[in-house]
Amino acid sequence: MSKKDEKIAISQETNPNAVPLFINGQFIKDFSFESPHAPQIFNEMKQAPSIEIGVDIQAGRLDDKNTFGVDLKFSIEGKIEDKVAFIVELVYSSVVTLNVEKEHIEPMLLIEVPRHMFPFARSIICDAVRDGGFPPLMIAPIDFVTLYSKRQEQMKKEQTSQETSKDKTIN
């Protein structure tokens, strides 16, 4: 690597304004693990619990410039037959700096940033479930593009529904 390339690489690592996406930090904002039927549930456990996973992403501007906060929220419930074996709730957050055109901000915040955050959040959840006495929960990779597309479709439906309601109210 030439000295010029080395300077560019160092600049990009330390200057958030030099790259399109700079992750300033990641952290656990809120976390809960519950096993409401322990220890009895372990006597009833003959197979791995059935799992329901809910995922949500929220983002917002933190200052008047280009710094944003992104929350990746998980709500997970493991059941053995009809009993709740465990509940995990995690809000894993990130503070990022974006240097992109305005039309790319939302996709960056709701697709790319969560994609970078996901492996860390998955590790926290897996460790908590394992440490709670259950088989480790290995969450498959999440398709954040599909989540974003579904969110956009839902927003369009709601907007169309509201416009239809307004038209009916006016008449």
Protein backbone atom coordinates (compact mmCIF):
# COMPACT_ATOMS: atom_id res chain seq x y z
CA MET A 1 0.00 0.00 0.00
CA SER A 2 1.38 3.37 -0.97
CA LYS A 3 1.58 6.22 1.53
CA LYS A 4 -1.26 7.99 -0.29
CA ASP A 5 -3.51 4.87 -0.08
CA GLU A 6 -2.57 4.48 3.58
CA LYS A 7 -3.59 8.10 4.29
CA ILE A 8 -6.93 7.59 2.53
CA ALA A 9 -7.62 4.41 4.52
CA ILE A 10 -6.74 6.10 7.82
CA SER A 11 -8.87 9.12 6.89
CA GLN A 12 -11.90 6.93 6.16
CA GLU A 13 -11.52 5.04 9.45
CA THR A 14 -11.35 8.18 11.58
CA ASN A 15 -13.43 10.70 9.63
CA PRO A 16 -17.14 9.87 9.49
CA ASN A 17 -17.60 12.42 6.69
CA ALA A 18 -15.38 10.44 4.32
CA VAL A 19 -17.63 7.38 3.88
CA PRO A 20 -21.34 6.93 3.01
CA LEU A 21 -22.06 4.98 6.23
CA PHE A 22 -20.07 5.37 9.42
CA ILE A 23 -21.16 3.43 12.51
CA ASN A 24 -20.27 5.60 15.48
CA GLY A 25 -21.33 3.00 18.03
CA GLN A 26 -23.61 0.07 18.81
CA PHE A 27 -25.14 -0.79 22.17
CA ILE A 28 -27.87 -2.63 24.05
CA LYS A 29 -30.60 -0.07 24.72
CA ASP A 30 -33.06 -2.45 26.39
CA PHE A 31 -32.86 -6.16 27.12
CA SER A 32 -35.00 -8.70 28.95
CA PHE A 33 -34.91 -12.47 29.32
CA GLU A 34 -37.70 -14.23 31.21
CA SER A 35 -38.39 -17.88 31.86
CA PRO A 36 -41.74 -17.69 33.66
CA HIS A 37 -42.17 -21.45 34.20
CA ALA A 38 -38.63 -22.33 35.26
CA PRO A 39 -37.53 -24.68 36.68
CA GLN A 40 -40.58 -26.90 36.02
CA ILE A 41 -40.45 -26.24 32.27
CA PHE A 42 -37.15 -28.15 32.02
CA ASN A 43 -38.88 -31.37 33.18
CA GLU A 44 -41.48 -30.93 30.44
CA MET A 45 -38.97 -30.14 27.69
CA LYS A 46 -38.64 -33.18 25.43
CA GLN A 47 -37.74 -31.20 22.32
CA ALA A 48 -36.59 -27.71 21.44
CA PRO A 49 -39.23 -25.02 22.02
CA SER A 50 -41.28 -23.66 19.13
CA ILE A 51 -40.19 -20.10 18.42
CA GLU A 52 -42.02 -16.95 17.33
CA ILE A 53 -39.85 -14.00 16.35
CA GLY A 54 -40.95 -10.42 15.79
CA VAL A 55 -38.57 -7.85 14.29
CA ASP A 56 -39.02 -4.10 14.00
CA ILE A 57 -36.70 -1.31 12.93
CA GLN A 58 -37.02 2.31 13.93
CA ALA A 59 -34.77 5.19 13.00
CA GLY A 60 -34.60 8.89 13.61
CA ARG A 61 -32.36 11.91 13.22
CA LEU A 62 -30.25 12.75 16.29
CA ASP A 63 -29.08 16.18 15.22
CA ASP A 64 -29.65 18.73 12.50
CA LYS A 65 -26.83 17.29 10.42
CA ASN A 66 -26.37 13.68 9.34
CA THR A 67 -26.31 11.66 12.57
CA PHE A 68 -29.06 9.12 13.11
CA GLY A 69 -30.13 6.55 15.69
CA VAL A 70 -31.35 3.12 14.60
CA ASP A 71 -33.15 0.64 16.87
CA LEU A 72 -33.33 -3.02 15.88
CA LYS A 73 -36.07 -4.55 18.04
CA PHE A 74 -36.62 -8.25 18.67
CA SER A 75 -39.51 -9.84 20.49
CA ILE A 76 -39.07 -13.60 20.81
CA GLU A 77 -41.22 -16.18 22.52
CA GLY A 78 -40.28 -19.83 22.95
CA LYS A 79 -43.08 -22.28 23.80
CA ILE A 80 -43.19 -25.89 24.86
CA GLU A 81 -46.65 -27.09 23.94
CA ASP A 82 -48.88 -24.27 25.28
CA LYS A 83 -46.52 -23.03 27.99
CA VAL A 84 -44.21 -20.09 27.53
CA ALA A 85 -40.68 -21.40 28.04
CA PHE A 86 -38.92 -18.08 27.58
CA ILE A 87 -39.38 -14.52 26.38
CA VAL A 88 -36.55 -12.42 25.00
CA GLU A 89 -36.91 -8.74 24.21
CA LEU A 90 -33.98 -6.82 22.83
CA VAL A 91 -33.57 -3.30 21.51
CA TYR A 92 -30.13 -3.14 19.96
CA SER A 93 -29.22 0.38 18.89
CA SER A 94 -26.70 2.13 16.74
CA VAL A 95 -25.61 5.70 16.17
CA VAL A 96 -24.57 6.29 12.58
CA THR A 97 -23.40 9.09 10.35
CA LEU A 98 -24.69 9.06 6.77
CA ASN A 99 -23.19 10.90 3.84
CA VAL A 100 -25.65 10.03 1.09
CA GLU A 101 -28.25 11.80 -1.03
CA LYS A 102 -31.56 12.50 0.68
CA GLU A 103 -33.44 9.78 -1.26
CA HIS A 104 -30.99 7.13 0.02
CA ILE A 105 -31.24 7.98 3.73
CA GLU A 106 -34.32 5.88 4.53
CA PRO A 107 -33.10 2.71 2.77
CA MET A 108 -29.69 3.08 4.42
CA LEU A 109 -31.28 3.43 7.86
CA LEU A 110 -33.81 0.62 7.44
CA ILE A 111 -31.78 -1.86 5.36
CA GLU A 112 -28.01 -1.34 5.50
CA VAL A 113 -27.59 -0.28 9.12
CA PRO A 114 -29.72 -3.17 10.49
CA ARG A 115 -27.77 -5.55 8.25
CA HIS A 116 -24.57 -4.47 10.04
CA MET A 117 -26.22 -4.63 13.48
CA PHE A 118 -27.89 -8.02 13.08
CA PRO A 119 -24.95 -10.37 13.81
CA PHE A 120 -24.29 -8.63 17.14
CA ALA A 121 -27.95 -8.70 18.18
CA ARG A 122 -28.25 -12.36 17.15
CA SER A 123 -25.24 -13.22 19.30
CA ILE A 124 -26.74 -11.51 22.35
CA ILE A 125 -30.02 -13.38 21.90
CA CYS A 126 -28.32 -16.74 21.29
CA ASP A 127 -26.16 -16.37 24.40
CA ALA A 128 -29.11 -15.33 26.59
CA VAL A 129 -31.27 -18.27 25.50
CA ARG A 130 -28.38 -20.72 25.98
CA ASP A 131 -27.50 -19.21 29.38
CA GLY A 132 -31.18 -19.50 30.32
CA GLY A 133 -30.87 -23.29 30.02
CA PHE A 134 -32.44 -23.75 26.59
CA PRO A 135 -30.94 -24.94 23.31
CA PRO A 136 -29.13 -22.04 21.60
CA LEU A 137 -31.41 -20.05 19.34
CA MET A 138 -29.79 -19.61 15.96
CA ILE A 139 -31.74 -16.93 14.12
CA ALA A 140 -31.44 -17.20 10.35
CA PRO A 141 -30.25 -14.10 8.52
CA ILE A 142 -33.02 -11.56 8.02
CA ASP A 143 -33.83 -10.13 4.60
CA PHE A 144 -34.03 -6.45 5.49
CA VAL A 145 -34.81 -5.50 1.88
CA THR A 146 -38.03 -7.54 2.04
CA LEU A 147 -38.92 -6.05 5.43
CA TYR A 148 -38.39 -2.57 4.00
CA SER A 149 -40.51 -3.35 0.92
CA LYS A 150 -43.36 -4.71 3.07
CA ARG A 151 -43.17 -1.62 5.27
CA GLN A 152 -43.41 0.63 2.19
CA GLU A 153 -46.41 -1.34 0.88
CA GLN A 154 -48.15 -1.11 4.26
CA MET A 155 -47.59 2.64 4.40
CA LYS A 156 -49.03 3.05 0.87
CA LYS A 157 -52.12 1.00 1.83
CA GLU A 158 -52.65 3.08 4.97
CA GLN A 159 -52.22 6.31 3.02
CA THR A 160 -54.70 5.16 0.35
CA SER A 161 -57.14 4.08 3.06
CA GLN A 162 -56.89 7.47 4.79
CA GLU A 163 -57.42 9.33 1.50
CA THR A 164 -60.49 7.18 0.78
CA SER A 165 -61.84 7.92 4.27
CA LYS A 166 -61.35 11.66 3.76
CA ASP A 167 -63.18 11.54 0.44
CA LYS A 168 -66.15 9.78 2.07
CA THR A 169 -66.23 12.28 4.94
CA ILE A 170 -66.24 15.27 2.61
CA ASN A 171 -69.16 13.92 0.53
